[in-house]
Amino acid sequence: MATRGTKRPAEDLETESPDSAERPGTATLEQVSDVRLEFGGNCEDSMPVNSALLRLASPVFNRMFTSGMKEAQQGVINVDVASKEEFKVFYSLLAPWAWSTDKVTEANVDSLLAISDYYQVEIIKQTCEDLLLTLPPSSMRLFQARRHSLAKQYQRCIAALAKKSTKEDLEVLRSQPDIIFELTLAKQDILDRLTSMTQRVDQQQNDGDPGDLFGISSDEILRDLIRELRAELE
């Protein structure tokens, strides 16, 4: 027995501490799973999950388990919004200490957005929008932003397509008259501003050079107007 203030022999510590390889580590997600998810109604295409983890992350899953939903009570929940592989990526982000914004990539952002929006996992959904805001706008991105209520991305795509859009872009949106209406209004707003600028350019040219009025020549005014026109079209 070691007395107070004395160091215990190393051999005593070794006998009381089993080899680290024999000690169990932390549990894996599979070990704590108590529910099974089935994809597309296929019982063979399934994966085990932990209900507590899902409930902590998603109010939708939480309602399933607190409302007495038959599937939740039976321990089997069907998932239609994503494939098994897509949901695996989403589920892996819910594990303790697993979350990181850089795990949302261009390759998985579309599926993660669809899943996080459906199950109302806001931190993942917001990260998806942040990434989409850095990618090129398009009619498909506009449609996606509308479907998943991404306000910033939606307005960004509207503004971009109002300046430059193709027949193909409009074909994608033809089934969405409300989006086309908003896009038309945005195009008209740009057209009105351009018309006003061109009128100012014409007026400046017709007026000629009245001299160095207020220290600004007519050439400088004309150049400024042209720069404004270019900025509207970029």
Protein backbone atom coordinates (compact mmCIF):
# COMPACT_ATOMS: atom_id res chain seq x y z
CA MET A 1 0.00 0.00 0.00
CA ALA A 2 1.44 3.36 -0.97
CA THR A 3 1.68 5.97 1.75
CA ARG A 4 0.58 9.55 1.29
CA GLY A 5 3.01 11.52 -0.83
CA THR A 6 4.91 8.51 -2.16
CA LYS A 7 4.96 7.36 -5.76
CA ARG A 8 3.42 3.99 -6.56
CA PRO A 9 5.67 1.48 -8.31
CA ALA A 10 5.14 1.20 -12.07
CA GLU A 11 4.52 -2.53 -11.81
CA ASP A 12 1.52 -1.89 -9.52
CA LEU A 13 -0.01 0.45 -12.09
CA GLU A 14 0.53 -2.07 -14.86
CA THR A 15 -1.27 -4.84 -12.97
CA GLU A 16 -4.28 -2.60 -12.27
CA SER A 17 -4.55 -1.18 -15.82
CA PRO A 18 -5.60 -3.70 -18.48
CA ASP A 19 -4.18 -3.40 -21.95
CA SER A 20 -5.85 -0.55 -23.85
CA ALA A 21 -6.74 -2.90 -26.69
CA GLU A 22 -8.96 -4.88 -24.30
CA ARG A 23 -10.94 -1.86 -23.16
CA PRO A 24 -14.10 -1.08 -25.15
CA GLY A 25 -14.11 2.22 -27.05
CA THR A 26 -17.07 4.50 -27.57
CA ALA A 27 -20.15 3.03 -29.19
CA THR A 28 -20.61 3.24 -32.94
CA LEU A 29 -23.82 4.52 -34.52
CA GLU A 30 -24.72 0.96 -35.46
CA GLN A 31 -24.34 -0.21 -31.85
CA VAL A 32 -26.79 2.37 -30.51
CA SER A 33 -29.32 1.93 -33.31
CA ASP A 34 -32.88 1.09 -32.31
CA VAL A 35 -34.85 1.90 -35.48
CA ARG A 36 -34.58 0.81 -39.11
CA LEU A 37 -35.10 3.07 -42.11
CA GLU A 38 -36.39 1.56 -45.34
CA PHE A 39 -35.92 3.32 -48.66
CA GLY A 40 -38.60 3.30 -51.32
CA GLY A 41 -40.63 0.74 -49.39
CA ASN A 42 -37.95 -1.89 -49.94
CA CYS A 43 -37.30 -3.82 -46.73
CA GLU A 44 -34.03 -5.13 -48.15
CA ASP A 45 -32.77 -1.61 -48.82
CA SER A 46 -32.55 -0.39 -45.24
CA MET A 47 -30.18 0.96 -42.60
CA PRO A 48 -30.18 1.03 -38.79
CA VAL A 49 -30.37 4.41 -37.04
CA ASN A 50 -30.63 5.84 -33.55
CA SER A 51 -34.03 7.39 -32.87
CA ALA A 52 -32.70 9.79 -30.21
CA LEU A 53 -30.15 11.20 -32.65
CA LEU A 54 -32.84 11.75 -35.28
CA ARG A 55 -35.21 13.35 -32.77
CA LEU A 56 -32.56 15.74 -31.46
CA ALA A 57 -31.70 16.90 -34.99
CA SER A 58 -35.11 16.92 -36.66
CA PRO A 59 -38.49 18.16 -35.38
CA VAL A 60 -40.11 16.04 -38.10
CA PHE A 61 -38.62 12.83 -36.74
CA ASN A 62 -39.42 13.96 -33.21
CA ARG A 63 -43.10 14.35 -34.10
CA MET A 64 -43.10 10.88 -35.62
CA PHE A 65 -42.04 9.34 -32.32
CA THR A 66 -44.17 11.52 -30.04
CA SER A 67 -47.39 11.32 -32.06
CA GLY A 68 -47.69 7.55 -31.84
CA MET A 69 -47.03 7.04 -35.52
CA LYS A 70 -47.48 3.35 -36.35
CA GLU A 71 -44.20 3.02 -38.26
CA ALA A 72 -42.21 4.62 -35.45
CA GLN A 73 -43.82 2.34 -32.86
CA GLN A 74 -42.93 -0.68 -34.96
CA GLY A 75 -39.35 0.55 -35.32
CA VAL A 76 -39.46 0.83 -39.12
CA ILE A 77 -39.72 4.17 -40.97
CA ASN A 78 -39.95 4.57 -44.72
CA VAL A 79 -37.85 7.28 -46.42
CA ASP A 80 -38.84 8.53 -49.87
CA VAL A 81 -36.95 11.81 -50.05
CA ALA A 82 -33.51 10.25 -50.59
CA SER A 83 -31.68 7.08 -51.47
CA LYS A 84 -29.95 4.99 -48.84
CA GLU A 85 -26.51 6.27 -49.86
CA GLU A 86 -27.68 9.89 -49.77
CA PHE A 87 -29.25 9.47 -46.35
CA LYS A 88 -26.10 7.83 -45.02
CA VAL A 89 -24.17 11.02 -45.77
CA PHE A 90 -26.86 13.09 -44.04
CA TYR A 91 -27.03 10.78 -41.02
CA SER A 92 -23.25 10.76 -40.59
CA LEU A 93 -23.36 14.54 -40.07
CA LEU A 94 -25.67 14.13 -37.06
CA ALA A 95 -23.22 12.10 -34.99
CA PRO A 96 -21.53 13.83 -32.01
CA TRP A 97 -18.57 15.98 -33.14
CA ALA A 98 -19.17 14.97 -36.77
CA TRP A 99 -20.61 18.23 -38.06
CA SER A 100 -18.43 20.53 -40.16
CA THR A 101 -19.54 22.97 -42.85
CA ASP A 102 -16.83 21.77 -45.23
CA LYS A 103 -18.54 18.36 -45.37
CA VAL A 104 -21.24 19.94 -47.51
CA THR A 105 -19.76 19.90 -51.01
CA GLU A 106 -20.85 20.59 -54.56
CA ALA A 107 -21.16 16.83 -55.04
CA ASN A 108 -23.65 16.29 -52.19
CA VAL A 109 -25.30 19.70 -51.74
CA ASP A 110 -28.42 18.86 -53.77
CA SER A 111 -29.30 15.71 -51.84
CA LEU A 112 -28.38 17.23 -48.46
CA LEU A 113 -30.57 20.23 -49.22
CA ALA A 114 -33.55 18.05 -50.12
CA ILE A 115 -33.17 15.91 -46.99
CA SER A 116 -32.47 18.75 -44.55
CA ASP A 117 -35.38 20.78 -45.91
CA TYR A 118 -37.81 17.86 -45.65
CA TYR A 119 -36.73 16.95 -42.12
CA GLN A 120 -36.22 20.60 -41.07
CA VAL A 121 -32.57 20.36 -40.03
CA GLU A 122 -31.83 24.05 -40.37
CA ILE A 123 -28.07 24.06 -39.75
CA ILE A 124 -27.48 21.73 -42.71
CA LYS A 125 -30.03 23.51 -44.90
CA GLN A 126 -28.42 26.91 -44.24
CA THR A 127 -24.97 25.53 -45.02
CA CYS A 128 -26.33 24.18 -48.30
CA GLU A 129 -27.64 27.62 -49.24
CA ASP A 130 -24.32 29.23 -48.29
CA LEU A 131 -22.55 26.90 -50.70
CA LEU A 132 -25.11 27.38 -53.48
CA LEU A 133 -24.59 31.13 -53.24
CA THR A 134 -21.03 30.57 -54.44
CA LEU A 135 -22.03 28.44 -57.45
CA PRO A 136 -23.11 29.77 -60.87
CA PRO A 137 -26.81 30.77 -60.98
CA SER A 138 -29.07 28.99 -63.45
CA SER A 139 -32.73 28.27 -64.10
CA MET A 140 -32.37 24.92 -62.34
CA ARG A 141 -30.82 26.64 -59.32
CA LEU A 142 -33.67 29.17 -59.36
CA PHE A 143 -36.26 26.40 -59.42
CA GLN A 144 -34.40 24.60 -56.61
CA ALA A 145 -34.27 27.76 -54.51
CA ARG A 146 -38.02 28.26 -54.88
CA ARG A 147 -38.80 24.63 -54.04
CA HIS A 148 -36.74 24.73 -50.83
CA SER A 149 -37.48 28.34 -49.81
CA LEU A 150 -33.92 29.67 -50.14
CA ALA A 151 -34.64 33.40 -50.16
CA LYS A 152 -31.14 34.74 -50.82
CA GLN A 153 -30.38 32.19 -53.52
CA TYR A 154 -33.75 32.79 -55.15
CA GLN A 155 -33.27 36.56 -55.43
CA ARG A 156 -29.70 36.06 -56.65
CA CYS A 157 -30.82 33.74 -59.44
CA ILE A 158 -33.72 36.03 -60.40
CA ALA A 159 -31.31 38.97 -60.70
CA ALA A 160 -28.80 36.97 -62.74
CA LEU A 161 -31.37 35.50 -65.14
CA ALA A 162 -33.07 38.86 -65.55
CA LYS A 163 -29.81 40.15 -67.01
CA LYS A 164 -29.04 37.10 -69.09
CA SER A 165 -31.21 34.06 -69.78
CA THR A 166 -31.65 31.68 -72.69
CA LYS A 167 -34.54 29.90 -74.33
CA GLU A 168 -33.44 26.76 -72.50
CA ASP A 169 -33.71 28.60 -69.17
CA LEU A 170 -37.29 29.57 -69.92
CA GLU A 171 -38.11 26.00 -71.01
CA VAL A 172 -37.04 24.79 -67.56
CA LEU A 173 -39.32 27.35 -65.91
CA ARG A 174 -42.33 27.10 -68.23
CA SER A 175 -44.25 25.00 -65.70
CA GLN A 176 -43.75 27.71 -63.06
CA PRO A 177 -45.73 30.77 -64.23
CA ASP A 178 -45.24 32.59 -60.93
CA ILE A 179 -41.45 32.37 -61.30
CA ILE A 180 -41.63 33.49 -64.93
CA PHE A 181 -43.78 36.44 -63.84
CA GLU A 182 -41.21 37.53 -61.25
CA LEU A 183 -38.44 37.08 -63.79
CA THR A 184 -40.35 39.20 -66.31
CA LEU A 185 -40.78 41.97 -63.75
CA ALA A 186 -37.06 41.90 -62.98
CA LYS A 187 -36.23 42.06 -66.71
CA GLN A 188 -38.61 44.99 -67.13
CA ASP A 189 -36.99 46.82 -64.23
CA ILE A 190 -33.57 46.46 -65.85
CA LEU A 191 -34.98 47.52 -69.21
CA ASP A 192 -36.50 50.65 -67.65
CA ARG A 193 -33.19 51.61 -66.08
CA LEU A 194 -31.31 50.99 -69.33
CA THR A 195 -33.84 53.07 -71.26
CA SER A 196 -33.41 55.92 -68.80
CA MET A 197 -29.63 55.74 -69.13
CA THR A 198 -29.66 55.68 -72.93
CA GLN A 199 -31.94 58.70 -72.92
CA ARG A 200 -29.44 60.51 -70.72
CA VAL A 201 -26.62 59.53 -73.09
CA ASP A 202 -28.61 60.80 -76.09
CA GLN A 203 -29.40 64.02 -74.28
CA GLN A 204 -25.76 64.53 -73.40
CA GLN A 205 -24.72 64.02 -77.01
CA ASN A 206 -27.39 66.43 -78.26
CA ASP A 207 -26.40 69.09 -75.74
CA GLY A 208 -22.78 69.04 -76.91
CA ASP A 209 -20.05 70.28 -74.61
CA PRO A 210 -21.28 73.25 -72.61
CA GLY A 211 -17.83 73.67 -71.17
CA ASP A 212 -16.41 72.56 -67.92
CA LEU A 213 -19.66 72.78 -65.99
CA PHE A 214 -19.08 72.25 -62.25
CA GLY A 215 -15.60 71.00 -63.08
CA ILE A 216 -16.93 67.99 -65.03
CA SER A 217 -16.67 67.83 -68.81
CA SER A 218 -19.37 66.33 -71.01
CA ASP A 219 -16.95 63.58 -72.03
CA GLU A 220 -16.55 62.56 -68.41
CA ILE A 221 -20.32 62.54 -67.91
CA LEU A 222 -20.73 60.40 -71.01
CA ARG A 223 -18.09 57.94 -69.85
CA ASP A 224 -19.83 57.65 -66.47
CA LEU A 225 -23.15 56.92 -68.15
CA ILE A 226 -21.56 54.25 -70.34
CA ARG A 227 -20.00 52.65 -67.26
CA GLU A 228 -23.44 52.55 -65.64
CA LEU A 229 -24.86 50.83 -68.71
CA ARG A 230 -22.12 48.22 -68.68
CA ALA A 231 -22.59 47.60 -64.97
CA GLU A 232 -26.28 46.88 -65.52
CA LEU A 233 -25.44 44.30 -68.18
CA GLU A 234 -22.71 42.47 -66.26
